[in-house]
């Protein structure tokens, strides 16, 4: 039986950090030291070295945005559930953002949040596996994940070179209380996590596909040095992007880049 702790709501306890290099780094260090349990979360007012996919830097202004990491105990999840976890976290963020920004919110594969054609959030999930002689369970077992989220909330000016960002304030014209929003986000993430640990993979996959950015549309992608056009048709159960042009194609995370 899974440990009862994994059914507890996410975001408890919630620790607010004034400044940190990266909430993911901080969270992972806390887990490795045995100082944090499942569901613990850290909200930063400022990140000095926030990271995104492909090692990209996540740039924000202090206090403007929702910079959150949550520790997740994954040892009870079935092997090969990494994409389902990614989908659950992306959908929790999607559910949260859509409440405020409306139906033009989408999940851009694999786990960015877009509003229209502008990036509203990035998600980075980092996994921890057991080393020999550590804790209990087989060596190499997936034991923890740190889910890091950076969601643009009140920021209205962005660093040069950031491609088409957007914030909730720009969309709605309103200022938001980041701490209040964080607690709401944790509630929505808890719902999606509950679906995952209860084995409701089909609902997660169906909802993820329905929320998919550019579904049914032709896009430009880059693989190696070649740019090509193809139509987004869905996502496989193991998280590969499915497309169609003259061929049926599928791509793993990190294999392609979007070209805008």
Protein backbone atom coordinates (compact mmCIF):
# COMPACT_ATOMS: atom_id res chain seq x y z
CA UNK A 1 0.00 0.00 0.00
CA UNK A 2 1.25 3.53 -0.74
CA UNK A 3 2.34 5.51 2.29
CA UNK A 4 -0.63 7.63 3.52
CA UNK A 5 1.52 10.77 3.31
CA UNK A 6 1.27 10.82 -0.48
CA UNK A 7 -2.48 11.47 -0.24
CA UNK A 8 -1.98 14.62 1.82
CA UNK A 9 -2.66 18.00 0.13
CA UNK A 10 0.26 19.61 -1.67
CA UNK A 11 1.69 22.88 -0.40
CA UNK A 12 1.75 21.97 3.29
CA UNK A 13 3.90 23.27 4.79
CA UNK A 14 4.46 26.28 2.53
CA UNK A 15 7.70 28.17 3.21
CA UNK A 16 8.20 31.66 1.78
CA UNK A 17 11.80 32.51 0.85
CA UNK A 18 12.86 36.12 0.30
CA UNK A 19 15.63 35.17 -2.13
CA UNK A 20 17.13 31.90 -3.33
CA UNK A 21 19.26 30.76 -6.26
CA UNK A 22 16.58 28.31 -7.41
CA UNK A 23 13.57 26.92 -5.56
CA UNK A 24 14.24 23.53 -7.17
CA UNK A 25 17.82 23.51 -5.86
CA UNK A 26 16.62 24.48 -2.39
CA UNK A 27 13.84 21.89 -2.38
CA UNK A 28 16.11 19.08 -3.55
CA UNK A 29 18.66 19.92 -0.85
CA UNK A 30 15.93 19.81 1.79
CA UNK A 31 14.73 16.41 0.57
CA UNK A 32 18.25 14.98 0.42
CA UNK A 33 18.90 16.15 3.97
CA UNK A 34 15.70 14.56 5.24
CA UNK A 35 14.34 17.97 6.25
CA UNK A 36 11.26 17.92 4.02
CA UNK A 37 8.47 15.45 3.38
CA UNK A 38 5.95 14.87 0.63
CA UNK A 39 3.91 17.94 -0.27
CA UNK A 40 6.30 20.49 1.23
CA UNK A 41 6.51 23.62 -0.90
CA UNK A 42 8.74 26.67 -1.21
CA UNK A 43 7.66 30.01 -2.68
CA UNK A 44 10.42 32.47 -3.58
CA UNK A 45 10.03 36.22 -3.85
CA UNK A 46 13.21 36.22 -5.93
CA UNK A 47 15.25 33.63 -7.80
CA UNK A 48 18.81 34.47 -8.79
CA UNK A 49 19.39 31.39 -10.94
CA UNK A 50 15.98 29.99 -11.89
CA UNK A 51 16.10 27.35 -14.61
CA UNK A 52 13.79 26.09 -17.32
CA UNK A 53 13.85 23.38 -19.96
CA UNK A 54 17.09 22.93 -21.94
CA UNK A 55 18.97 24.82 -19.23
CA UNK A 56 17.34 28.15 -20.08
CA UNK A 57 17.33 30.84 -17.41
CA UNK A 58 13.97 31.91 -15.95
CA UNK A 59 14.09 35.70 -15.47
CA UNK A 60 11.65 37.53 -13.19
CA UNK A 61 11.37 40.73 -11.16
CA UNK A 62 11.42 40.30 -7.35
CA UNK A 63 7.96 39.67 -5.87
CA UNK A 64 6.11 39.88 -9.18
CA UNK A 65 5.63 36.23 -9.99
CA UNK A 66 4.76 32.84 -8.59
CA UNK A 67 8.01 30.89 -8.20
CA UNK A 68 7.16 27.60 -6.52
CA UNK A 69 8.70 24.17 -5.98
CA UNK A 70 6.94 21.18 -4.42
CA UNK A 71 8.49 17.94 -3.13
CA UNK A 72 6.67 14.83 -4.36
CA UNK A 73 7.25 11.32 -3.08
CA UNK A 74 7.12 9.17 -6.21
CA UNK A 75 8.15 5.74 -4.91
CA UNK A 76 4.53 4.51 -4.97
CA UNK A 77 3.95 5.54 -8.59
CA UNK A 78 4.19 2.87 -11.30
CA UNK A 79 7.46 2.66 -13.22
CA UNK A 80 7.38 4.84 -16.31
CA UNK A 81 5.02 7.43 -14.83
CA UNK A 82 7.31 10.41 -15.41
CA UNK A 83 5.20 11.82 -18.23
CA UNK A 84 1.98 11.33 -16.29
CA UNK A 85 3.52 13.30 -13.41
CA UNK A 86 4.55 16.02 -15.85
CA UNK A 87 1.03 16.07 -17.30
CA UNK A 88 -0.55 16.25 -13.84
CA UNK A 89 1.59 19.24 -12.83
CA UNK A 90 1.02 20.98 -16.17
CA UNK A 91 -2.74 20.46 -15.85
CA UNK A 92 -2.81 21.78 -12.30
CA UNK A 93 -1.12 24.96 -13.54
CA UNK A 94 -3.47 25.06 -16.53
CA UNK A 95 -6.56 24.72 -14.31
CA UNK A 96 -5.28 27.54 -12.10
CA UNK A 97 -4.32 29.94 -14.89
CA UNK A 98 -7.46 29.33 -16.95
CA UNK A 99 -9.68 30.48 -14.05
CA UNK A 100 -8.15 33.95 -14.35
CA UNK A 101 -7.07 34.14 -18.01
CA UNK A 102 -9.89 32.28 -19.74
CA UNK A 103 -10.27 29.64 -22.42
CA UNK A 104 -7.32 30.75 -24.55
CA UNK A 105 -4.99 29.12 -22.01
CA UNK A 106 -3.13 26.08 -23.36
CA UNK A 107 -0.41 23.59 -22.41
CA UNK A 108 2.47 23.74 -24.87
CA UNK A 109 4.19 20.37 -25.11
CA UNK A 110 5.86 19.21 -23.04
CA UNK A 111 4.96 21.52 -20.13
CA UNK A 112 4.92 25.24 -20.79
CA UNK A 113 1.78 27.28 -20.26
CA UNK A 114 0.67 29.56 -23.10
CA UNK A 115 -2.03 32.17 -23.46
CA UNK A 116 -2.77 32.72 -27.12
CA UNK A 117 0.77 32.59 -28.57
CA UNK A 118 2.52 34.01 -25.52
CA UNK A 119 4.35 32.18 -22.75
CA UNK A 120 2.78 32.54 -19.32
CA UNK A 121 4.62 29.85 -17.35
CA UNK A 122 7.37 27.26 -17.41
CA UNK A 123 7.59 24.00 -15.50
CA UNK A 124 10.72 22.03 -14.64
CA UNK A 125 10.48 18.63 -12.95
CA UNK A 126 13.67 17.13 -11.56
CA UNK A 127 13.81 13.52 -10.38
CA UNK A 128 15.77 11.83 -7.62
CA UNK A 129 16.61 8.12 -7.64
CA UNK A 130 17.85 6.01 -4.75
CA UNK A 131 21.58 5.35 -4.47
CA UNK A 132 22.99 2.03 -3.28
CA UNK A 133 22.31 1.51 0.43
CA UNK A 134 20.05 4.57 0.68
CA UNK A 135 16.62 4.48 2.29
CA UNK A 136 14.68 1.36 1.34
CA UNK A 137 13.91 -0.03 -2.07
CA UNK A 138 16.03 -1.10 -5.02
CA UNK A 139 18.98 0.96 -6.17
CA UNK A 140 17.95 3.36 -8.93
CA UNK A 141 14.28 3.41 -7.86
CA UNK A 142 12.44 6.67 -8.54
CA UNK A 143 11.98 8.09 -5.05
CA UNK A 144 11.28 11.83 -5.30
CA UNK A 145 10.46 14.53 -7.80
CA UNK A 146 10.75 18.27 -7.38
CA UNK A 147 8.13 20.11 -9.43
CA UNK A 148 9.21 23.67 -10.11
CA UNK A 149 6.85 26.26 -11.57
CA UNK A 150 7.42 29.83 -12.68
CA UNK A 151 4.16 31.61 -13.50
CA UNK A 152 4.04 35.24 -14.65
CA UNK A 153 1.61 37.07 -12.37
CA UNK A 154 2.22 40.83 -11.94
CA UNK A 155 5.25 41.39 -14.17
CA UNK A 156 4.71 43.82 -17.05
CA UNK A 157 8.25 44.40 -18.33
CA UNK A 158 10.52 41.55 -19.31
CA UNK A 159 14.20 41.13 -20.11
CA UNK A 160 15.22 41.71 -23.71
CA UNK A 161 15.39 38.46 -25.61
CA UNK A 162 12.50 36.79 -23.77
CA UNK A 163 10.17 35.65 -26.55
CA UNK A 164 6.53 36.75 -26.28
CA UNK A 165 5.99 36.55 -22.51
CA UNK A 166 2.68 37.43 -20.89
CA UNK A 167 1.46 37.79 -17.31
CA UNK A 168 -1.93 37.60 -15.61
CA UNK A 169 -1.77 41.34 -15.00
CA UNK A 170 -1.25 42.02 -18.71
CA UNK A 171 -4.18 39.76 -19.59
CA UNK A 172 -6.64 41.00 -16.96
CA UNK A 173 -5.41 44.49 -16.03
CA UNK A 174 -5.50 43.46 -12.35
CA UNK A 175 -2.89 43.18 -9.61
CA UNK A 176 -2.80 39.87 -7.73
CA UNK A 177 -1.70 38.69 -4.29
CA UNK A 178 0.92 36.06 -5.12
CA UNK A 179 0.59 34.23 -1.80
CA UNK A 180 -3.18 33.89 -2.17
CA UNK A 181 -2.74 32.60 -5.73
CA UNK A 182 -0.09 30.13 -4.58
CA UNK A 183 -2.49 28.52 -2.13
CA UNK A 184 -5.13 28.24 -4.86
CA UNK A 185 -2.57 26.71 -7.23
CA UNK A 186 -1.62 24.11 -4.60
CA UNK A 187 -5.28 23.12 -4.26
CA UNK A 188 -5.56 22.54 -8.00
CA UNK A 189 -2.25 20.67 -8.12
CA UNK A 190 -3.46 18.47 -5.26
CA UNK A 191 -6.51 17.46 -7.31
CA UNK A 192 -4.36 16.44 -10.27
CA UNK A 193 -1.87 14.63 -8.00
CA UNK A 194 -4.79 12.71 -6.48
CA UNK A 195 -5.84 11.58 -9.96
CA UNK A 196 -2.29 10.36 -10.57
CA UNK A 197 -1.84 8.37 -7.35
CA UNK A 198 -5.32 6.87 -7.71
CA UNK A 199 -4.37 5.49 -11.12
CA UNK A 200 -6.66 7.71 -13.21
CA UNK A 201 -4.16 8.00 -16.05
CA UNK A 202 -6.85 8.10 -18.72
CA UNK A 203 -8.45 11.28 -17.38
CA UNK A 204 -5.06 12.97 -17.16
CA UNK A 205 -4.16 12.00 -20.73
CA UNK A 206 -7.57 13.05 -22.09
CA UNK A 207 -7.45 16.43 -20.34
CA UNK A 208 -3.84 17.00 -21.41
CA UNK A 209 -4.65 16.31 -25.05
CA UNK A 210 -7.69 18.60 -24.93
CA UNK A 211 -5.55 21.41 -23.48
CA UNK A 212 -2.73 20.93 -26.00
CA UNK A 213 -1.39 24.06 -27.67
CA UNK A 214 -1.83 24.09 -31.47
CA UNK A 215 -3.73 20.78 -31.54
CA UNK A 216 -4.91 20.21 -35.11
CA UNK A 217 -2.82 23.11 -36.42
CA UNK A 218 0.26 23.17 -38.62
CA UNK A 219 3.42 24.34 -36.86
CA UNK A 220 7.11 24.69 -37.64
CA UNK A 221 9.50 22.45 -35.73
CA UNK A 222 13.27 22.05 -35.81
CA UNK A 223 15.11 18.75 -35.48
CA UNK A 224 18.89 18.90 -35.60
CA UNK A 225 19.41 21.62 -38.24
CA UNK A 226 16.28 20.92 -40.29
CA UNK A 227 13.11 23.03 -40.02
CA UNK A 228 9.87 21.46 -41.23
CA UNK A 229 6.11 21.97 -41.11
CA UNK A 230 3.84 19.39 -39.54
CA UNK A 231 0.38 19.19 -37.93
CA UNK A 232 0.00 18.49 -34.21
CA UNK A 233 -2.28 15.47 -33.74
CA UNK A 234 -1.81 14.62 -30.07
CA UNK A 235 0.46 13.10 -27.44
CA UNK A 236 1.18 9.42 -26.82
CA UNK A 237 0.59 7.77 -23.45
CA UNK A 238 4.34 7.91 -22.77
CA UNK A 239 4.56 11.61 -23.57
CA UNK A 240 5.77 11.77 -27.16
CA UNK A 241 4.43 14.55 -29.38
CA UNK A 242 2.46 13.14 -32.32
CA UNK A 243 2.34 14.96 -35.65
CA UNK A 244 1.37 14.31 -39.26
CA UNK A 245 2.57 15.65 -42.61
CA UNK A 246 3.61 13.29 -45.39
CA UNK A 247 4.42 10.89 -42.55
CA UNK A 248 3.09 10.06 -39.09
CA UNK A 249 5.76 11.30 -36.67
CA UNK A 250 6.49 11.14 -32.95
CA UNK A 251 9.05 13.06 -30.96
CA UNK A 252 10.52 12.60 -27.50
CA UNK A 253 11.15 15.49 -25.10
CA UNK A 254 14.33 17.31 -26.10
CA UNK A 255 14.30 15.95 -29.65
CA UNK A 256 12.79 19.02 -31.32
CA UNK A 257 12.42 22.76 -30.88
CA UNK A 258 9.46 24.93 -31.77
CA UNK A 259 10.12 27.56 -34.44
CA UNK A 260 8.03 30.74 -34.28
